[in-house]
N, C-alpha and C. Protein backbone atom coordinates (compact mmCIF):
# COMPACT_ATOMS: atom_id res chain seq x y z
N MET A 1 -21.04 31.11 -18.55
CA MET A 1 -19.97 30.67 -19.21
C MET A 1 -18.63 32.29 -18.41
N PRO A 2 -17.75 31.93 -17.83
CA PRO A 2 -16.56 32.77 -16.53
C PRO A 2 -15.46 32.28 -17.51
N VAL A 3 -14.65 33.72 -17.36
CA VAL A 3 -13.82 33.75 -18.11
C VAL A 3 -12.93 34.43 -16.62
N TYR A 4 -11.48 33.92 -16.72
CA TYR A 4 -11.02 34.48 -15.44
C TYR A 4 -9.83 35.21 -15.58
N ILE A 5 -8.96 36.93 -15.55
CA ILE A 5 -9.02 37.25 -15.99
C ILE A 5 -7.21 37.59 -14.60
N SER A 6 -6.14 37.57 -15.54
CA SER A 6 -5.34 37.99 -14.42
C SER A 6 -4.48 38.12 -15.12
N GLY A 7 -3.62 39.18 -14.40
CA GLY A 7 -2.49 39.38 -15.18
C GLY A 7 -1.91 41.59 -15.16
N GLY A 8 -1.83 42.08 -15.54
CA GLY A 8 -1.82 43.53 -16.11
C GLY A 8 -0.97 43.47 -17.49
N GLU A 9 -0.21 44.69 -17.06
CA GLU A 9 0.34 45.42 -18.87
C GLU A 9 1.01 44.80 -19.49
N GLU A 10 2.06 44.11 -19.32
CA GLU A 10 3.68 42.88 -19.51
C GLU A 10 2.73 42.20 -20.22
N LEU A 11 1.50 41.19 -19.39
CA LEU A 11 0.26 39.53 -20.12
C LEU A 11 -0.71 39.60 -18.91
N LEU A 12 -1.54 39.66 -19.90
CA LEU A 12 -2.38 39.53 -19.58
C LEU A 12 -3.64 38.46 -19.67
N THR A 13 -4.33 37.50 -18.60
CA THR A 13 -4.24 36.16 -19.15
C THR A 13 -5.65 36.47 -19.09
N ALA A 14 -6.84 35.61 -20.03
CA ALA A 14 -8.50 35.10 -19.88
C ALA A 14 -7.95 33.63 -20.34
N LYS A 15 -8.65 32.67 -18.97
CA LYS A 15 -8.66 31.80 -18.89
C LYS A 15 -10.02 31.67 -18.64
N ILE A 16 -10.50 31.14 -20.39
CA ILE A 16 -11.74 30.78 -20.44
C ILE A 16 -12.57 29.41 -19.90
N THR A 17 -13.72 28.98 -19.50
CA THR A 17 -14.34 28.00 -19.12
C THR A 17 -15.93 27.81 -19.79
N GLY A 18 -16.01 26.42 -20.12
CA GLY A 18 -17.15 25.95 -20.56
C GLY A 18 -17.50 25.89 -21.61
N GLU A 19 -18.66 26.65 -22.66
CA GLU A 19 -18.79 26.50 -23.44
C GLU A 19 -18.59 28.05 -24.34
N ILE A 20 -18.29 27.88 -25.94
CA ILE A 20 -17.92 28.97 -26.74
C ILE A 20 -18.83 29.22 -27.93
N ASP A 21 -20.36 29.73 -27.56
CA ASP A 21 -21.48 29.75 -28.49
C ASP A 21 -21.62 30.98 -28.77
N HIS A 22 -22.94 31.39 -29.68
CA HIS A 22 -23.39 32.26 -30.09
C HIS A 22 -24.02 32.98 -28.50
N HIS A 23 -23.84 32.32 -28.13
CA HIS A 23 -24.76 32.93 -26.89
C HIS A 23 -23.90 33.92 -25.80
N SER A 24 -22.58 32.76 -25.74
CA SER A 24 -21.33 32.88 -24.33
C SER A 24 -20.62 34.04 -25.01
N SER A 25 -20.48 34.18 -26.54
CA SER A 25 -19.08 34.80 -26.93
C SER A 25 -19.50 36.25 -27.08
N ARG A 26 -20.43 36.45 -26.40
CA ARG A 26 -20.78 38.74 -26.64
C ARG A 26 -20.31 38.93 -25.27
N TRP A 27 -20.30 37.96 -23.90
CA TRP A 27 -20.19 38.54 -22.76
C TRP A 27 -18.57 38.19 -22.39
N LEU A 28 -18.15 37.22 -23.16
CA LEU A 28 -16.46 36.87 -23.21
C LEU A 28 -15.63 38.14 -23.97
N ARG A 29 -16.14 38.85 -24.66
CA ARG A 29 -15.99 39.57 -25.15
C ARG A 29 -15.57 41.21 -24.99
N SER A 30 -16.98 41.66 -24.56
CA SER A 30 -17.08 42.11 -23.35
C SER A 30 -15.99 42.58 -22.66
N ASP A 31 -16.24 41.03 -21.63
CA ASP A 31 -15.00 41.25 -20.19
C ASP A 31 -13.76 40.83 -20.70
N ILE A 32 -13.66 40.56 -21.56
CA ILE A 32 -12.00 40.52 -21.89
C ILE A 32 -11.30 41.98 -22.66
N ASP A 33 -12.96 42.58 -24.19
CA ASP A 33 -12.09 43.51 -23.70
C ASP A 33 -12.54 44.51 -22.87
N THR A 34 -13.20 44.65 -22.09
CA THR A 34 -12.74 45.75 -20.99
C THR A 34 -11.46 45.62 -19.82
N ALA A 35 -11.14 44.07 -19.69
CA ALA A 35 -10.09 44.35 -19.08
C ALA A 35 -8.13 44.68 -20.01
N ILE A 36 -8.40 44.61 -21.41
CA ILE A 36 -7.84 45.32 -22.48
C ILE A 36 -7.70 46.80 -21.92
N MET A 37 -8.71 46.93 -22.17
CA MET A 37 -8.91 49.09 -21.95
C MET A 37 -8.43 49.17 -20.71
N ASP A 38 -8.54 48.44 -19.61
CA ASP A 38 -8.58 48.54 -18.62
C ASP A 38 -6.58 48.68 -18.07
N ASN A 39 -6.19 47.70 -18.65
CA ASN A 39 -5.10 47.60 -18.69
C ASN A 39 -3.33 47.52 -19.73
N SER A 40 -3.93 48.30 -21.03
CA SER A 40 -3.42 48.21 -22.01
C SER A 40 -1.83 47.37 -22.17
N PRO A 41 -2.78 45.72 -21.91
CA PRO A 41 -1.05 44.45 -22.22
C PRO A 41 -0.66 44.66 -22.97
N LYS A 42 0.34 44.39 -22.96
CA LYS A 42 1.71 43.84 -24.68
C LYS A 42 1.50 42.84 -25.03
N LYS A 43 0.67 41.54 -24.08
CA LYS A 43 0.53 40.28 -25.07
C LYS A 43 -0.68 39.54 -23.97
N LEU A 44 -1.50 39.39 -24.98
CA LEU A 44 -2.85 38.59 -24.36
C LEU A 44 -2.77 37.23 -24.63
N ARG A 45 -3.13 36.83 -23.70
CA ARG A 45 -2.71 35.11 -23.43
C ARG A 45 -4.84 34.58 -23.48
N LEU A 46 -5.28 33.60 -24.46
CA LEU A 46 -6.37 33.20 -24.28
C LEU A 46 -5.98 32.00 -23.55
N ASP A 47 -6.64 30.99 -22.71
CA ASP A 47 -6.00 30.00 -22.03
C ASP A 47 -7.90 29.79 -22.31
N PHE A 48 -7.20 28.00 -23.42
CA PHE A 48 -8.82 27.63 -23.60
C PHE A 48 -8.94 26.48 -22.55
N SER A 49 -8.01 26.19 -21.97
CA SER A 49 -7.66 24.98 -21.43
C SER A 49 -9.05 24.40 -20.28
N GLY A 50 -9.93 24.99 -19.64
CA GLY A 50 -11.72 24.47 -19.23
C GLY A 50 -12.16 24.64 -20.48
N VAL A 51 -12.58 24.83 -21.99
CA VAL A 51 -13.65 25.43 -23.30
C VAL A 51 -13.72 23.45 -23.70
N SER A 52 -14.99 23.56 -23.22
CA SER A 52 -15.78 22.24 -23.77
C SER A 52 -15.56 22.00 -24.89
N PHE A 53 -16.55 23.20 -25.35
CA PHE A 53 -17.01 23.33 -26.93
C PHE A 53 -17.27 24.70 -27.29
N MET A 54 -16.50 25.02 -28.47
CA MET A 54 -16.43 25.51 -29.34
C MET A 54 -17.22 25.96 -30.83
N ASP A 55 -17.49 26.92 -31.61
CA ASP A 55 -17.99 26.79 -32.26
C ASP A 55 -17.85 27.83 -33.43
N SER A 56 -18.32 28.31 -34.42
CA SER A 56 -17.76 29.02 -35.01
C SER A 56 -17.20 30.84 -34.17
N SER A 57 -18.64 31.26 -33.48
CA SER A 57 -19.01 32.27 -32.78
C SER A 57 -17.20 32.60 -31.75
N GLY A 58 -17.06 30.74 -31.44
CA GLY A 58 -14.94 30.92 -30.79
C GLY A 58 -13.87 32.14 -31.91
N VAL A 59 -14.60 31.07 -33.46
CA VAL A 59 -13.41 32.04 -33.84
C VAL A 59 -13.16 33.12 -33.94
N GLY A 60 -14.99 34.23 -34.23
CA GLY A 60 -15.12 35.11 -34.20
C GLY A 60 -14.30 36.13 -32.93
N LEU A 61 -14.37 35.87 -32.26
CA LEU A 61 -13.82 35.89 -29.80
C LEU A 61 -12.13 36.18 -30.65
N VAL A 62 -11.76 35.22 -31.60
CA VAL A 62 -10.51 35.08 -30.81
C VAL A 62 -9.84 36.15 -32.62
N MET A 63 -10.86 36.05 -33.34
CA MET A 63 -10.46 36.52 -34.55
C MET A 63 -10.94 38.46 -34.14
N GLY A 64 -11.57 39.01 -33.25
CA GLY A 64 -11.71 40.12 -32.83
C GLY A 64 -10.29 40.55 -31.87
N ARG A 65 -10.68 39.65 -31.21
CA ARG A 65 -9.23 40.00 -29.95
C ARG A 65 -8.01 40.94 -30.81
N TYR A 66 -7.75 39.73 -31.81
CA TYR A 66 -6.33 39.24 -32.52
C TYR A 66 -5.85 40.78 -33.22
N LYS A 67 -7.23 41.28 -33.94
CA LYS A 67 -7.46 42.52 -34.26
C LYS A 67 -6.88 43.97 -33.22
N ASN A 68 -7.81 43.53 -31.84
CA ASN A 68 -7.32 45.03 -31.48
C ASN A 68 -6.44 45.26 -30.73
N MET A 69 -5.73 44.26 -29.78
CA MET A 69 -4.35 44.05 -30.10
C MET A 69 -3.36 44.42 -30.48
N LYS A 70 -3.57 44.21 -31.78
CA LYS A 70 -3.11 44.46 -33.51
C LYS A 70 -2.77 45.82 -33.19
N GLU A 71 -3.77 46.53 -32.96
CA GLU A 71 -4.23 47.95 -33.57
C GLU A 71 -3.46 48.48 -32.40
N ARG A 72 -3.29 47.97 -30.97
CA ARG A 72 -3.10 48.47 -29.95
C ARG A 72 -1.02 48.23 -29.74
N GLY A 73 -0.58 47.37 -30.83
CA GLY A 73 0.62 47.30 -31.10
C GLY A 73 0.97 45.84 -29.90
N GLY A 74 0.07 45.24 -30.02
CA GLY A 74 0.43 43.96 -28.48
C GLY A 74 0.15 42.56 -29.53
N THR A 75 0.33 41.65 -28.79
CA THR A 75 0.26 40.23 -29.72
C THR A 75 -1.34 39.07 -28.91
N LEU A 76 -1.33 38.35 -29.91
CA LEU A 76 -1.89 37.53 -28.82
C LEU A 76 -1.48 36.17 -28.66
N GLU A 77 -2.08 35.49 -28.26
CA GLU A 77 -0.68 33.98 -27.90
C GLU A 77 -2.70 33.21 -27.09
N LEU A 78 -2.67 32.39 -28.12
CA LEU A 78 -3.38 30.97 -27.71
C LEU A 78 -2.89 29.60 -27.13
N VAL A 79 -2.97 29.51 -25.97
CA VAL A 79 -2.81 28.33 -25.12
C VAL A 79 -3.66 26.96 -25.01
N ASN A 80 -2.85 25.81 -24.36
CA ASN A 80 -4.36 24.77 -23.49
C ASN A 80 -5.27 24.26 -24.42
N MET A 81 -4.90 24.53 -26.12
CA MET A 81 -6.23 23.91 -26.38
C MET A 81 -6.52 22.68 -26.85
N PRO A 82 -7.75 22.37 -26.48
CA PRO A 82 -7.85 20.91 -26.76
C PRO A 82 -8.05 20.63 -28.09
N LYS A 83 -7.44 19.91 -29.09
CA LYS A 83 -7.68 19.25 -29.86
C LYS A 83 -8.66 19.84 -30.88
N SER A 84 -9.65 19.50 -30.10
CA SER A 84 -11.23 19.99 -31.31
C SER A 84 -11.03 21.34 -31.69
N ILE A 85 -10.62 22.12 -30.72
CA ILE A 85 -10.32 23.33 -30.59
C ILE A 85 -9.58 24.08 -31.58
N GLU A 86 -8.34 23.39 -32.02
CA GLU A 86 -7.11 23.93 -33.04
C GLU A 86 -7.45 23.37 -33.59
N LYS A 87 -8.52 21.70 -33.93
CA LYS A 87 -8.63 21.41 -36.05
C LYS A 87 -10.05 22.79 -36.00
N VAL A 88 -10.78 24.29 -35.58
CA VAL A 88 -11.66 24.63 -35.51
C VAL A 88 -10.42 25.59 -35.89
N MET A 89 -9.61 26.15 -35.18
CA MET A 89 -8.85 26.85 -35.77
C MET A 89 -8.22 26.75 -36.95
N ALA A 90 -7.82 25.64 -37.19
CA ALA A 90 -6.70 25.48 -38.47
C ALA A 90 -8.04 25.41 -39.40
N LEU A 91 -8.69 24.66 -39.18
CA LEU A 91 -10.15 24.92 -40.59
C LEU A 91 -10.47 26.32 -40.79
N ALA A 92 -10.47 27.09 -39.96
CA ALA A 92 -10.83 28.76 -39.83
C ALA A 92 -9.63 29.61 -40.53
N GLY A 93 -7.86 28.78 -40.41
CA GLY A 93 -6.83 29.91 -41.22
C GLY A 93 -6.32 30.40 -39.48
N MET A 94 -6.90 30.26 -38.47
CA MET A 94 -6.59 31.09 -37.81
C MET A 94 -5.05 30.99 -37.11
N ASP A 95 -4.86 29.34 -37.23
CA ASP A 95 -3.34 28.94 -37.25
C ASP A 95 -2.18 30.00 -37.85
N ARG A 96 -2.39 30.20 -39.14
CA ARG A 96 -1.19 30.54 -40.20
C ARG A 96 -1.43 32.12 -39.61
N LEU A 97 -2.56 33.25 -39.21
CA LEU A 97 -2.34 34.19 -38.88
C LEU A 97 -1.69 34.28 -37.41
N LEU A 98 -1.81 33.47 -36.83
CA LEU A 98 -0.97 33.44 -35.27
C LEU A 98 1.07 33.25 -35.44
N GLU A 99 0.80 33.05 -36.58
CA GLU A 99 1.90 31.60 -36.82
C GLU A 99 3.52 33.05 -37.47
N GLU A 100 2.13 33.81 -38.41
CA GLU A 100 3.06 35.53 -38.87
C GLU A 100 3.24 36.18 -37.77
N ASP A 101 2.17 36.73 -36.83
CA ASP A 101 2.89 37.41 -35.23
C ASP A 101 4.15 36.73 -35.51
N LYS A 102 4.42 35.48 -34.70
CA LYS A 102 5.49 35.10 -34.34
C LYS A 102 6.83 35.47 -34.73
N GLU A 103 6.26 35.11 -35.91
CA GLU A 103 8.14 35.36 -37.08
C GLU A 103 8.53 37.09 -36.89
């Protein structure tokens, strides 16, 4: 599963493609965290437009990046989520967590 990372200090975007599951989430975490360390962005945007499937490993991926950015004084934004992924996030309570950051 490739992730395409672009941007820099202000905004770092990680466009994820394919499936997010137990096997792929490890590589995604590593690639995204390395980019965060290298760029120290103020905002991390996870773009789900290319994601065809996500299980609970994806929730863990998002939660970990949320904590990582919060510890660095940054924010996390989720964009282009298919309805099925929005539902998984809502069931996990991630929608409330991300809404709190916007206030």
